[in-house]
Amino acid sequence: MSTTRLGRVAKEALLLIRKFMSQGDFKRASDAALKAAEAFKEIAKHSTGSSSKLAYRRARTLVEITKALRHEEPLPMHLVDALDSFFPDEQEPTISAPATDDEVPVPSEDLHEELKTDGTEEPPSEYPEGIRSTYHQLLNGISIACTLVEMLERAYQSIRIMVQNFTDVKTITVGTESCEVNLLDRLITKSKEGVKIRIIIREPEAFGGAATHFQEAVETLLNDAPAIEILVCAQMHIKSVIIDESEVLEGSANFTNKGLSGIGEQATWTNNSEFVNQFIERFDHYWVHQSSECTTCKNRTCEVHPLTRRTP
C-alpha cells in the first residue's frame, strides 16, 4: 500500500477517533486509534530519516491513546493535544517535514523505548490486547467462522467480499465449540452504520437445486440494505474478505454453514500491507471489469444479471 493511501487511512482513522469520542463510544474510538497507529507504523516502514522517525512517534502516541480509550474514559489533556497536533489545519496528514521535539508529545518511558542514537526508531513494542503488528495466521475448523465475525465487527470504513456463494449463516457448531455468525444481520447493520460494502458473487442459478438459500440471502441484502452493492460474476471462485484496506481473510471456505464449519477447509488471515493491497487491486479490477478474466470473458453476466447492483 502506498504512503499516500496510508496517509488517507491515517487521516480517516484520526477523524473517526474524534467522532466516536464525541459520541462517548470509547470502544470504537480505541479501534480507530489502533487503525491510525498501524497506518503510521506502515508509513514509517516505507519512509526514511526524519519522516520515518515522526511516523513511528505518532504510532507510539496512538498506542498510548488506544490504551487510554480502552478504560472507557475521556482522554487526558496531553493526549488530546497530541491528537490535535497530527493535522491541526484539517489537512492531509503529512510526514515530509522534519520532526521537532515539541511536534508530537513523546509517550511515557514505561511504555516505549527511547529513540536510537543513530537517528532511527523501532516500532511500538508493546500493544494493548488485540493490537497486532504485521502478521499471518493459518486457520482451519471453526476458527475460520470466528475470525470472519471478528473482522466484520472491526470494520468501520469498508468491507470487500469475493465469494462463490453465501447463505444466511446463523450459528456454527462443531463438536463442543460454537460461533454466532449472523452473517446477513452483521452486514446489514454495518451498512446502516455507514460502512461501504461491496460483494462479488457467482450467479445463484449455477448451483442448480442448491441455489434457493443463496438466492434468498442475496435478495435479503438487496431489500434490507440498499447501500450494499453486489456484482454477479460467472467466473467467481475466490473466497476472501477485505476489511478497511488493512486485513484480509482468504481461503477455500464459502460463507455457508458447511464452509464456515471449517471441516475440510483452510484459510489465511493477514494484515501484511503488501498482501492486502494485492487483494484490493484484484477486487477492484473485477469491480470495474478490468481483471485478466474480464477481458476474455464473453458471458458478461456481470452486466445483465438482475441481482447486480453496482455503482461504477
C-alpha atoms as a PDB file:
ATOM      1  CA  MET A   1       0.000   0.000   0.000  1.00  0.00           C
ATOM      2  CA  SER A   2       1.448   3.404  -0.942  1.00  0.00           C
ATOM      3  CA  THR A   3       2.258   6.050   1.672  1.00  0.00           C
ATOM      4  CA  THR A   4      -0.354   8.289   0.019  1.00  0.00           C
ATOM      5  CA  ARG A   5      -3.101   5.714   0.596  1.00  0.00           C
ATOM      6  CA  LEU A   6      -1.762   5.010   4.089  1.00  0.00           C
ATOM      7  CA  GLY A   7      -1.916   8.739   4.766  1.00  0.00           C
ATOM      8  CA  ARG A   8      -5.593   8.769   3.795  1.00  0.00           C
ATOM      9  CA  VAL A   9      -6.261   5.762   6.031  1.00  0.00           C
ATOM     10  CA  ALA A  10      -4.500   7.528   8.913  1.00  0.00           C
ATOM     11  CA  LYS A  11      -6.458  10.746   8.416  1.00  0.00           C
ATOM     12  CA  GLU A  12      -9.805   8.963   8.234  1.00  0.00           C
ATOM     13  CA  ALA A  13      -8.973   6.981  11.368  1.00  0.00           C
ATOM     14  CA  LEU A  14      -7.944  10.138  13.253  1.00  0.00           C
ATOM     15  CA  LEU A  15     -11.213  11.827  12.305  1.00  0.00           C
ATOM     16  CA  LEU A  16     -13.138   8.779  13.498  1.00  0.00           C
ATOM     17  CA  ILE A  17     -11.377   8.923  16.872  1.00  0.00           C
ATOM     18  CA  ARG A  18     -12.768  12.423  17.332  1.00  0.00           C
ATOM     19  CA  LYS A  19     -16.215  11.439  16.087  1.00  0.00           C
ATOM     20  CA  PHE A  20     -16.565   8.418  18.362  1.00  0.00           C
ATOM     21  CA  MET A  21     -15.113  10.271  21.350  1.00  0.00           C
ATOM     22  CA  SER A  22     -17.738  12.999  20.917  1.00  0.00           C
ATOM     23  CA  GLN A  23     -20.417  10.273  20.941  1.00  0.00           C
ATOM     24  CA  GLY A  24     -18.955   8.652  24.059  1.00  0.00           C
ATOM     25  CA  ASP A  25     -18.221   5.481  22.088  1.00  0.00           C
ATOM     26  CA  PHE A  26     -14.773   4.763  23.504  1.00  0.00           C
ATOM     27  CA  LYS A  27     -14.653   1.197  22.159  1.00  0.00           C
ATOM     28  CA  ARG A  28     -14.942   2.324  18.539  1.00  0.00           C
ATOM     29  CA  ALA A  29     -12.657   5.288  19.226  1.00  0.00           C
ATOM     30  CA  SER A  30      -9.985   2.883  20.500  1.00  0.00           C
ATOM     31  CA  ASP A  31     -10.406   0.707  17.393  1.00  0.00           C
ATOM     32  CA  ALA A  32      -9.902   3.788  15.215  1.00  0.00           C
ATOM     33  CA  ALA A  33      -6.799   4.722  17.216  1.00  0.00           C
ATOM     34  CA  LEU A  34      -5.433   1.241  16.574  1.00  0.00           C
ATOM     35  CA  LYS A  35      -6.076   1.668  12.847  1.00  0.00           C
ATOM     36  CA  ALA A  36      -4.243   5.004  12.823  1.00  0.00           C
ATOM     37  CA  ALA A  37      -1.313   3.527  14.779  1.00  0.00           C
ATOM     38  CA  GLU A  38      -0.928   0.690  12.289  1.00  0.00           C
ATOM     39  CA  ALA A  39      -1.138   3.109   9.344  1.00  0.00           C
ATOM     40  CA  PHE A  40       1.588   5.360  10.743  1.00  0.00           C
ATOM     41  CA  LYS A  41       3.747   2.323  11.518  1.00  0.00           C
ATOM     42  CA  GLU A  42       3.444   1.174   7.896  1.00  0.00           C
ATOM     43  CA  ILE A  43       4.257   4.709   6.708  1.00  0.00           C
ATOM     44  CA  ALA A  44       7.386   4.611   8.835  1.00  0.00           C
ATOM     45  CA  LYS A  45       8.459   1.316   7.300  1.00  0.00           C
ATOM     46  CA  HIS A  46       8.303   2.842   3.811  1.00  0.00           C
ATOM     47  CA  SER A  47       9.968   6.145   4.773  1.00  0.00           C
ATOM     48  CA  THR A  48      13.436   7.243   5.775  1.00  0.00           C
ATOM     49  CA  GLY A  49      15.133   9.709   8.083  1.00  0.00           C
ATOM     50  CA  SER A  50      13.020  12.274   9.905  1.00  0.00           C
ATOM     51  CA  SER A  51       9.851  11.180   8.103  1.00  0.00           C
ATOM     52  CA  SER A  52      10.183   7.644   9.431  1.00  0.00           C
ATOM     53  CA  LYS A  53      11.080   8.959  12.863  1.00  0.00           C
ATOM     54  CA  LEU A  54       7.984  11.152  13.050  1.00  0.00           C
ATOM     55  CA  ALA A  55       5.669   8.394  11.818  1.00  0.00           C
ATOM     56  CA  TYR A  56       6.966   5.980  14.469  1.00  0.00           C
ATOM     57  CA  ARG A  57       6.478   8.606  17.173  1.00  0.00           C
ATOM     58  CA  ARG A  58       2.901   9.123  16.050  1.00  0.00           C
ATOM     59  CA  ALA A  59       2.295   5.372  16.031  1.00  0.00           C
ATOM     60  CA  ARG A  60       3.588   5.095  19.596  1.00  0.00           C
ATOM     61  CA  THR A  61       1.477   8.022  20.767  1.00  0.00           C
ATOM     62  CA  LEU A  62      -1.588   6.365  19.225  1.00  0.00           C
ATOM     63  CA  VAL A  63      -0.768   3.151  21.109  1.00  0.00           C
ATOM     64  CA  GLU A  64      -0.956   5.171  24.325  1.00  0.00           C
ATOM     65  CA  ILE A  65      -4.231   6.766  23.147  1.00  0.00           C
ATOM     66  CA  THR A  66      -5.642   3.302  22.408  1.00  0.00           C
ATOM     67  CA  LYS A  67      -4.766   2.105  25.907  1.00  0.00           C
ATOM     68  CA  ALA A  68      -6.345   5.168  27.485  1.00  0.00           C
ATOM     69  CA  LEU A  69      -9.569   4.824  25.468  1.00  0.00           C
ATOM     70  CA  ARG A  70      -9.946   1.195  26.470  1.00  0.00           C
ATOM     71  CA  HIS A  71     -10.524   2.386  30.023  1.00  0.00           C
ATOM     72  CA  GLU A  72     -13.704   3.981  28.559  1.00  0.00           C
ATOM     73  CA  GLU A  73     -12.867   7.405  29.922  1.00  0.00           C
ATOM     74  CA  PRO A  74     -12.140  10.761  28.217  1.00  0.00           C
ATOM     75  CA  LEU A  75      -8.549  11.198  27.094  1.00  0.00           C
ATOM     76  CA  PRO A  76      -6.100  13.089  29.317  1.00  0.00           C
ATOM     77  CA  MET A  77      -5.446  16.586  28.014  1.00  0.00           C
ATOM     78  CA  HIS A  78      -1.904  15.834  26.863  1.00  0.00           C
ATOM     79  CA  LEU A  79      -3.218  13.061  24.610  1.00  0.00           C
ATOM     80  CA  VAL A  80      -5.982  15.301  23.260  1.00  0.00           C
ATOM     81  CA  ASP A  81      -3.274  17.852  22.387  1.00  0.00           C
ATOM     82  CA  ALA A  82      -1.208  15.104  20.734  1.00  0.00           C
ATOM     83  CA  LEU A  83      -4.196  14.036  18.636  1.00  0.00           C
ATOM     84  CA  ASP A  84      -4.858  17.626  17.540  1.00  0.00           C
ATOM     85  CA  SER A  85      -1.205  18.144  16.625  1.00  0.00           C
ATOM     86  CA  PHE A  86      -1.267  15.423  13.942  1.00  0.00           C
ATOM     87  CA  PHE A  87      -3.117  17.652  11.466  1.00  0.00           C
ATOM     88  CA  PRO A  88      -4.176  20.887  13.200  1.00  0.00           C
ATOM     89  CA  ASP A  89      -5.324  22.544   9.961  1.00  0.00           C
ATOM     90  CA  GLU A  90      -7.542  19.597   8.960  1.00  0.00           C
ATOM     91  CA  GLN A  91      -5.245  18.863   6.022  1.00  0.00           C
ATOM     92  CA  GLU A  92      -3.982  15.503   4.806  1.00  0.00           C
ATOM     93  CA  PRO A  93      -1.546  14.099   7.381  1.00  0.00           C
ATOM     94  CA  THR A  94       1.995  14.617   6.155  1.00  0.00           C
ATOM     95  CA  ILE A  95       5.269  13.082   7.224  1.00  0.00           C
ATOM     96  CA  SER A  96       7.575  15.083   4.990  1.00  0.00           C
ATOM     97  CA  ALA A  97       8.521  17.817   7.470  1.00  0.00           C
ATOM     98  CA  PRO A  98      11.355  17.139   9.931  1.00  0.00           C
ATOM     99  CA  ALA A  99      10.148  16.207  13.393  1.00  0.00           C
ATOM    100  CA  THR A 100      10.734  18.558  16.311  1.00  0.00           C
ATOM    101  CA  ASP A 101      10.705  17.670  19.986  1.00  0.00           C
ATOM    102  CA  ASP A 102       7.505  19.646  20.515  1.00  0.00           C
ATOM    103  CA  GLU A 103       5.569  18.486  17.463  1.00  0.00           C
ATOM    104  CA  VAL A 104       4.290  15.222  18.947  1.00  0.00           C
ATOM    105  CA  PRO A 105       4.433  14.590  22.712  1.00  0.00           C
ATOM    106  CA  VAL A 106       6.582  11.551  23.479  1.00  0.00           C
ATOM    107  CA  PRO A 107       4.676   8.794  25.330  1.00  0.00           C
ATOM    108  CA  SER A 108       5.781   7.842  28.830  1.00  0.00           C
ATOM    109  CA  GLU A 109       9.040   5.909  29.071  1.00  0.00           C
ATOM    110  CA  ASP A 110       7.437   2.910  30.762  1.00  0.00           C
ATOM    111  CA  LEU A 111       5.523   2.196  27.538  1.00  0.00           C
ATOM    112  CA  HIS A 112       8.092   2.888  24.839  1.00  0.00           C
ATOM    113  CA  GLU A 113      11.810   2.776  24.190  1.00  0.00           C
ATOM    114  CA  GLU A 114      13.834   5.932  23.614  1.00  0.00           C
ATOM    115  CA  LEU A 115      14.995   6.737  20.097  1.00  0.00           C
ATOM    116  CA  LYS A 116      18.194   5.073  18.985  1.00  0.00           C
ATOM    117  CA  THR A 117      21.314   7.198  18.876  1.00  0.00           C
ATOM    118  CA  ASP A 118      21.716   6.545  15.152  1.00  0.00           C
ATOM    119  CA  GLY A 119      18.573   8.561  14.405  1.00  0.00           C
ATOM    120  CA  THR A 120      16.321   5.608  13.676  1.00  0.00           C
ATOM    121  CA  GLU A 121      13.477   4.337  15.791  1.00  0.00           C
ATOM    122  CA  GLU A 122      11.906   0.975  16.500  1.00  0.00           C
ATOM    123  CA  PRO A 123       8.205   0.282  16.008  1.00  0.00           C
ATOM    124  CA  PRO A 124       5.974   0.186  19.092  1.00  0.00           C
ATOM    125  CA  SER A 125       6.918  -2.949  21.034  1.00  0.00           C
ATOM    126  CA  GLU A 126       4.002  -3.035  23.462  1.00  0.00           C
ATOM    127  CA  TYR A 127       0.375  -3.150  22.338  1.00  0.00           C
ATOM    128  CA  PRO A 128      -2.985  -3.319  24.100  1.00  0.00           C
ATOM    129  CA  GLU A 129      -4.796  -6.627  23.841  1.00  0.00           C
ATOM    130  CA  GLY A 130      -5.909  -7.208  20.256  1.00  0.00           C
ATOM    131  CA  ILE A 131      -3.276  -4.973  18.644  1.00  0.00           C
ATOM    132  CA  ARG A 132      -1.031  -6.901  16.285  1.00  0.00           C
ATOM    133  CA  SER A 133       1.889  -5.921  14.111  1.00  0.00           C
ATOM    134  CA  THR A 134       2.259  -7.378  10.617  1.00  0.00           C
ATOM    135  CA  TYR A 135       1.182 -10.966  10.987  1.00  0.00           C
ATOM    136  CA  HIS A 136      -0.017 -14.084   9.166  1.00  0.00           C
ATOM    137  CA  GLN A 137      -2.199 -16.769  10.694  1.00  0.00           C
ATOM    138  CA  LEU A 138      -3.254 -20.138   9.273  1.00  0.00           C
ATOM    139  CA  LEU A 139      -6.825 -21.094  10.206  1.00  0.00           C
ATOM    140  CA  ASN A 140      -8.993 -24.182   9.998  1.00  0.00           C
ATOM    141  CA  GLY A 141     -12.080 -25.546  11.682  1.00  0.00           C
ATOM    142  CA  ILE A 142     -14.483 -23.203  13.446  1.00  0.00           C
ATOM    143  CA  SER A 143     -11.721 -20.576  13.842  1.00  0.00           C
ATOM    144  CA  ILE A 144     -12.465 -19.535  10.231  1.00  0.00           C
ATOM    145  CA  ALA A 145     -16.005 -18.519  11.192  1.00  0.00           C
ATOM    146  CA  CYS A 146     -14.882 -16.837  14.426  1.00  0.00           C
ATOM    147  CA  THR A 147     -12.199 -14.829  12.628  1.00  0.00           C
ATOM    148  CA  LEU A 148     -14.684 -13.698   9.979  1.00  0.00           C
ATOM    149  CA  VAL A 149     -17.033 -12.468  12.723  1.00  0.00           C
ATOM    150  CA  GLU A 150     -14.218 -10.592  14.493  1.00  0.00           C
ATOM    151  CA  MET A 151     -13.197  -8.909  11.243  1.00  0.00           C
ATOM    152  CA  LEU A 152     -16.731  -7.809  10.386  1.00  0.00           C
ATOM    153  CA  GLU A 153     -17.122  -6.354  13.873  1.00  0.00           C
ATOM    154  CA  ARG A 154     -13.893  -4.356  13.460  1.00  0.00           C
ATOM    155  CA  ALA A 155     -14.975  -2.840  10.133  1.00  0.00           C
ATOM    156  CA  TYR A 156     -15.725   0.865  10.292  1.00  0.00           C
ATOM    157  CA  GLN A 157     -14.839   2.034   6.765  1.00  0.00           C
ATOM    158  CA  SER A 158     -15.200  -0.655   4.093  1.00  0.00           C
ATOM    159  CA  ILE A 159     -15.888  -4.347   3.504  1.00  0.00           C
ATOM    160  CA  ARG A 160     -14.991  -6.044   0.215  1.00  0.00           C
ATOM    161  CA  ILE A 161     -16.152  -9.630  -0.221  1.00  0.00           C
ATOM    162  CA  MET A 162     -15.352 -12.029  -3.061  1.00  0.00           C
ATOM    163  CA  VAL A 163     -17.088 -15.364  -2.569  1.00  0.00           C
ATOM    164  CA  GLN A 164     -18.623 -18.048  -4.721  1.00  0.00           C
ATOM    165  CA  ASN A 165     -21.801 -18.184  -2.654  1.00  0.00           C
ATOM    166  CA  PHE A 166     -23.175 -17.321   0.775  1.00  0.00           C
ATOM    167  CA  THR A 167     -26.268 -18.016   2.845  1.00  0.00           C
ATOM    168  CA  ASP A 168     -27.911 -16.613   5.968  1.00  0.00           C
ATOM    169  CA  VAL A 169     -25.489 -18.333   8.337  1.00  0.00           C
ATOM    170  CA  LYS A 170     -26.717 -18.018  11.931  1.00  0.00           C
ATOM    171  CA  THR A 171     -24.726 -20.250  14.304  1.00  0.00           C
ATOM    172  CA  ILE A 172     -21.857 -22.609  13.524  1.00  0.00           C
ATOM    173  CA  THR A 173     -21.393 -25.534  15.908  1.00  0.00           C
ATOM    174  CA  VAL A 174     -18.529 -28.015  15.657  1.00  0.00           C
ATOM    175  CA  GLY A 175     -18.279 -30.501  18.491  1.00  0.00           C
ATOM    176  CA  THR A 176     -18.377 -28.525  21.737  1.00  0.00           C
ATOM    177  CA  GLU A 177     -17.481 -25.229  20.060  1.00  0.00           C
ATOM    178  CA  SER A 178     -19.947 -22.740  18.600  1.00  0.00           C
ATOM    179  CA  CYS A 179     -19.800 -19.333  16.933  1.00  0.00           C
ATOM    180  CA  GLU A 180     -22.634 -16.825  16.499  1.00  0.00           C
ATOM    181  CA  VAL A 181     -22.149 -15.687  12.905  1.00  0.00           C
ATOM    182  CA  ASN A 182     -25.449 -13.979  11.962  1.00  0.00           C
ATOM    183  CA  LEU A 183     -23.833 -13.087   8.650  1.00  0.00           C
ATOM    184  CA  LEU A 184     -26.635 -11.138   6.975  1.00  0.00           C
ATOM    185  CA  ASP A 185     -27.582  -9.252  10.132  1.00  0.00           C
ATOM    186  CA  ARG A 186     -23.971  -8.159  10.651  1.00  0.00           C
ATOM    187  CA  LEU A 187     -23.619  -6.955   7.058  1.00  0.00           C
ATOM    188  CA  ILE A 188     -26.926  -5.087   7.156  1.00  0.00           C
ATOM    189  CA  THR A 189     -26.019  -3.446  10.480  1.00  0.00           C
ATOM    190  CA  LYS A 190     -22.595  -2.395   9.229  1.00  0.00           C
ATOM    191  CA  SER A 191     -24.122  -0.929   6.078  1.00  0.00           C
ATOM    192  CA  LYS A 192     -26.574   1.121   8.144  1.00  0.00           C
ATOM    193  CA  GLU A 193     -23.651   2.366  10.243  1.00  0.00           C
ATOM    194  CA  GLY A 194     -22.111   3.795   7.062  1.00  0.00           C
ATOM    195  CA  VAL A 195     -19.602   1.068   6.221  1.00  0.00           C
ATOM    196  CA  LYS A 196     -19.204   0.781   2.439  1.00  0.00           C
ATOM    197  CA  ILE A 197     -19.874  -2.828   1.412  1.00  0.00           C
ATOM    198  CA  ARG A 198     -19.231  -4.378  -1.987  1.00  0.00           C
ATOM    199  CA  ILE A 199     -19.739  -8.089  -2.718  1.00  0.00           C
ATOM    200  CA  ILE A 200     -18.768 -10.099  -5.812  1.00  0.00           C
ATOM    201  CA  ILE A 201     -20.520 -13.471  -6.146  1.00  0.00           C
ATOM    202  CA  ARG A 202     -21.231 -16.288  -8.596  1.00  0.00           C
ATOM    203  CA  GLU A 203     -24.701 -16.371 -10.165  1.00  0.00           C
ATOM    204  CA  PRO A 204     -27.055 -18.427  -7.913  1.00  0.00           C
ATOM    205  CA  GLU A 205     -28.565 -20.410 -10.791  1.00  0.00           C
ATOM    206  CA  ALA A 206     -25.158 -22.029 -11.368  1.00  0.00           C
ATOM    207  CA  PHE A 207     -25.794 -24.139  -8.228  1.00  0.00           C
ATOM    208  CA  GLY A 208     -28.964 -25.801  -9.511  1.00  0.00           C
ATOM    209  CA  GLY A 209     -31.193 -27.141  -6.758  1.00  0.00           C
ATOM    210  CA  ALA A 210     -28.871 -25.770  -4.069  1.00  0.00           C
ATOM    211  CA  ALA A 211     -29.408 -22.188  -5.246  1.00  0.00           C
ATOM    212  CA  THR A 212     -32.523 -21.358  -3.195  1.00  0.00           C
ATOM    213  CA  HIS A 213     -30.843 -20.314   0.064  1.00  0.00           C
ATOM    214  CA  PHE A 214     -28.157 -18.407  -1.830  1.00  0.00           C
ATOM    215  CA  GLN A 215     -30.765 -16.511  -3.882  1.00  0.00           C
ATOM    216  CA  GLU A 216     -32.761 -15.683  -0.750  1.00  0.00           C
ATOM    217  CA  ALA A 217     -29.670 -14.382   1.050  1.00  0.00           C
ATOM    218  CA  VAL A 218     -28.742 -12.068  -1.824  1.00  0.00           C
ATOM    219  CA  GLU A 219     -32.304 -10.756  -2.090  1.00  0.00           C
ATOM    220  CA  THR A 220     -32.370 -10.084   1.668  1.00  0.00           C
ATOM    221  CA  LEU A 221     -29.295  -7.877   1.383  1.00  0.00           C
ATOM    222  CA  LEU A 222     -30.697  -6.075  -1.650  1.00  0.00           C
ATOM    223  CA  ASN A 223     -34.002  -5.409   0.118  1.00  0.00           C
ATOM    224  CA  ASP A 224     -32.816  -4.644   3.658  1.00  0.00           C
ATOM    225  CA  ALA A 225     -29.550  -2.817   2.930  1.00  0.00           C
ATOM    226  CA  PRO A 226     -29.996  -0.568  -0.135  1.00  0.00           C
ATOM    227  CA  ALA A 227     -26.443   0.785   0.151  1.00  0.00           C
ATOM    228  CA  ILE A 228     -24.808  -2.628  -0.263  1.00  0.00           C
ATOM    229  CA  GLU A 229     -23.521  -3.159  -3.803  1.00  0.00           C
ATOM    230  CA  ILE A 230     -23.413  -6.585  -5.458  1.00  0.00           C
ATOM    231  CA  LEU A 231     -21.717  -7.719  -8.645  1.00  0.00           C
ATOM    232  CA  VAL A 232     -22.550 -11.127 -10.164  1.00  0.00           C
ATOM    233  CA  CYS A 233     -19.592 -12.720 -11.950  1.00  0.00           C
ATOM    234  CA  ALA A 234     -19.894 -16.034 -13.808  1.00  0.00           C
ATOM    235  CA  GLN A 235     -16.234 -16.837 -13.100  1.00  0.00           C
ATOM    236  CA  MET A 236     -16.045 -16.016  -9.391  1.00  0.00           C
ATOM    237  CA  HIS A 237     -14.420 -18.753  -7.338  1.00  0.00           C
ATOM    238  CA  ILE A 238     -12.310 -16.662  -4.934  1.00  0.00           C
ATOM    239  CA  LYS A 239     -13.272 -16.676  -1.238  1.00  0.00           C
ATOM    240  CA  SER A 240     -11.964 -13.627   0.602  1.00  0.00           C
ATOM    241  CA  VAL A 241     -12.981 -10.650   2.710  1.00  0.00           C
ATOM    242  CA  ILE A 242     -11.003  -7.399   2.972  1.00  0.00           C
ATOM    243  CA  ILE A 243     -11.672  -5.084   5.922  1.00  0.00           C
ATOM    244  CA  ASP A 244     -10.829  -1.362   5.901  1.00  0.00           C
ATOM    245  CA  GLU A 245      -7.968  -1.883   3.423  1.00  0.00           C
ATOM    246  CA  SER A 246      -5.919  -3.282   6.309  1.00  0.00           C
ATOM    247  CA  GLU A 247      -6.618  -7.004   6.789  1.00  0.00           C
ATOM    248  CA  VAL A 248      -7.745  -9.916   4.667  1.00  0.00           C
ATOM    249  CA  LEU A 249      -9.096 -13.423   5.207  1.00  0.00           C
ATOM    250  CA  GLU A 250      -8.810 -15.749   2.221  1.00  0.00           C
ATOM    251  CA  GLY A 251      -9.084 -19.463   1.696  1.00  0.00           C
ATOM    252  CA  SER A 252     -11.287 -22.297   0.496  1.00  0.00           C
ATOM    253  CA  ALA A 253     -14.446 -21.721   2.558  1.00  0.00           C
ATOM    254  CA  ASN A 254     -17.646 -20.292   1.096  1.00  0.00           C
ATOM    255  CA  PHE A 255     -19.758 -18.273   3.526  1.00  0.00           C
ATOM    256  CA  THR A 256     -22.229 -21.086   4.114  1.00  0.00           C
ATOM    257  CA  ASN A 257     -22.918 -23.340   7.100  1.00  0.00           C
ATOM    258  CA  LYS A 258     -20.768 -26.090   5.614  1.00  0.00           C
ATOM    259  CA  GLY A 259     -17.972 -23.775   4.537  1.00  0.00           C
ATOM    260  CA  LEU A 260     -17.726 -21.824   7.796  1.00  0.00           C
ATOM    261  CA  SER A 261     -17.770 -25.006   9.854  1.00  0.00           C
ATOM    262  CA  GLY A 262     -14.197 -25.266   8.580  1.00  0.00           C
ATOM    263  CA  ILE A 263     -14.405 -29.016   8.126  1.00  0.00           C
ATOM    264  CA  GLY A 264     -12.115 -29.789   5.209  1.00  0.00           C
ATOM    265  CA  GLU A 265     -11.430 -26.060   4.760  1.00  0.00           C
ATOM    266  CA  GLN A 266      -8.433 -23.815   5.314  1.00  0.00           C
ATOM    267  CA  ALA A 267      -7.907 -20.056   5.394  1.00  0.00           C
ATOM    268  CA  THR A 268      -5.217 -17.465   5.998  1.00  0.00           C
ATOM    269  CA  TRP A 269      -5.623 -14.183   7.876  1.00  0.00           C
ATOM    270  CA  THR A 270      -3.059 -11.424   7.430  1.00  0.00           C
ATOM    271  CA  ASN A 271      -2.617  -7.691   7.866  1.00  0.00           C
ATOM    272  CA  ASN A 272       0.534  -7.570   5.747  1.00  0.00           C
ATOM    273  CA  SER A 273       0.022  -4.370   3.768  1.00  0.00           C
ATOM    274  CA  GLU A 274       1.569  -5.627   0.508  1.00  0.00           C
ATOM    275  CA  PHE A 275      -0.522  -8.795   0.560  1.00  0.00           C
ATOM    276  CA  VAL A 276      -3.706  -6.879   1.463  1.00  0.00           C
ATOM    277  CA  ASN A 277      -3.047  -4.358  -1.287  1.00  0.00           C
ATOM    278  CA  GLN A 278      -2.791  -7.158  -3.862  1.00  0.00           C
ATOM    279  CA  PHE A 279      -6.236  -8.380  -2.848  1.00  0.00           C
ATOM    280  CA  ILE A 280      -7.649  -4.857  -3.018  1.00  0.00           C
ATOM    281  CA  GLU A 281      -6.304  -4.464  -6.555  1.00  0.00           C
ATOM    282  CA  ARG A 282      -7.662  -7.883  -7.518  1.00  0.00           C
ATOM    283  CA  PHE A 283     -11.110  -6.994  -6.186  1.00  0.00           C
ATOM    284  CA  ASP A 284     -11.155  -3.530  -7.749  1.00  0.00           C
ATOM    285  CA  HIS A 285     -10.127  -4.907 -11.140  1.00  0.00           C
ATOM    286  CA  TYR A 286     -13.076  -7.276 -11.066  1.00  0.00           C
ATOM    287  CA  TRP A 287     -15.364  -4.465  -9.945  1.00  0.00           C
ATOM    288  CA  VAL A 288     -14.596  -2.304 -12.982  1.00  0.00           C
ATOM    289  CA  HIS A 289     -14.303  -5.268 -15.393  1.00  0.00           C
ATOM    290  CA  GLN A 290     -10.541  -4.914 -15.843  1.00  0.00           C
ATOM    291  CA  SER A 291      -9.227  -8.207 -14.490  1.00  0.00           C
ATOM    292  CA  SER A 292      -7.491 -10.583 -16.886  1.00  0.00           C
ATOM    293  CA  GLU A 293     -10.569 -12.829 -16.708  1.00  0.00           C
ATOM    294  CA  CYS A 294     -12.878  -9.940 -17.595  1.00  0.00           C
ATOM    295  CA  THR A 295     -11.023  -9.025 -20.760  1.00  0.00           C
ATOM    296  CA  THR A 296     -11.526 -12.511 -22.206  1.00  0.00           C
ATOM    297  CA  CYS A 297     -14.985 -13.200 -20.775  1.00  0.00           C
ATOM    298  CA  LYS A 298     -17.810 -13.498 -23.306  1.00  0.00           C
ATOM    299  CA  ASN A 299     -20.501 -14.318 -20.762  1.00  0.00           C
ATOM    300  CA  ARG A 300     -20.991 -10.730 -19.461  1.00  0.00           C
ATOM    301  CA  THR A 301     -23.237 -11.961 -16.636  1.00  0.00           C
ATOM    302  CA  CYS A 302     -21.953  -9.024 -14.585  1.00  0.00           C
ATOM    303  CA  GLU A 303     -23.642  -6.561 -16.916  1.00  0.00           C
ATOM    304  CA  VAL A 304     -27.058  -8.203 -17.294  1.00  0.00           C
ATOM    305  CA  HIS A 305     -27.764 -10.276 -14.183  1.00  0.00           C
ATOM    306  CA  PRO A 306     -30.807  -8.977 -12.241  1.00  0.00           C
ATOM    307  CA  LEU A 307     -29.018  -9.338  -8.882  1.00  0.00           C
ATOM    308  CA  THR A 308     -26.199  -6.986  -9.868  1.00  0.00           C
ATOM    309  CA  ARG A 309     -26.453  -3.650  -8.111  1.00  0.00           C
ATOM    310  CA  ARG A 310     -23.289  -1.677  -8.680  1.00  0.00           C
ATOM    311  CA  THR A 311     -22.245   1.969  -8.633  1.00  0.00           C
ATOM    312  CA  PRO A 312     -19.278   2.348 -11.023  1.00  0.00           C
END
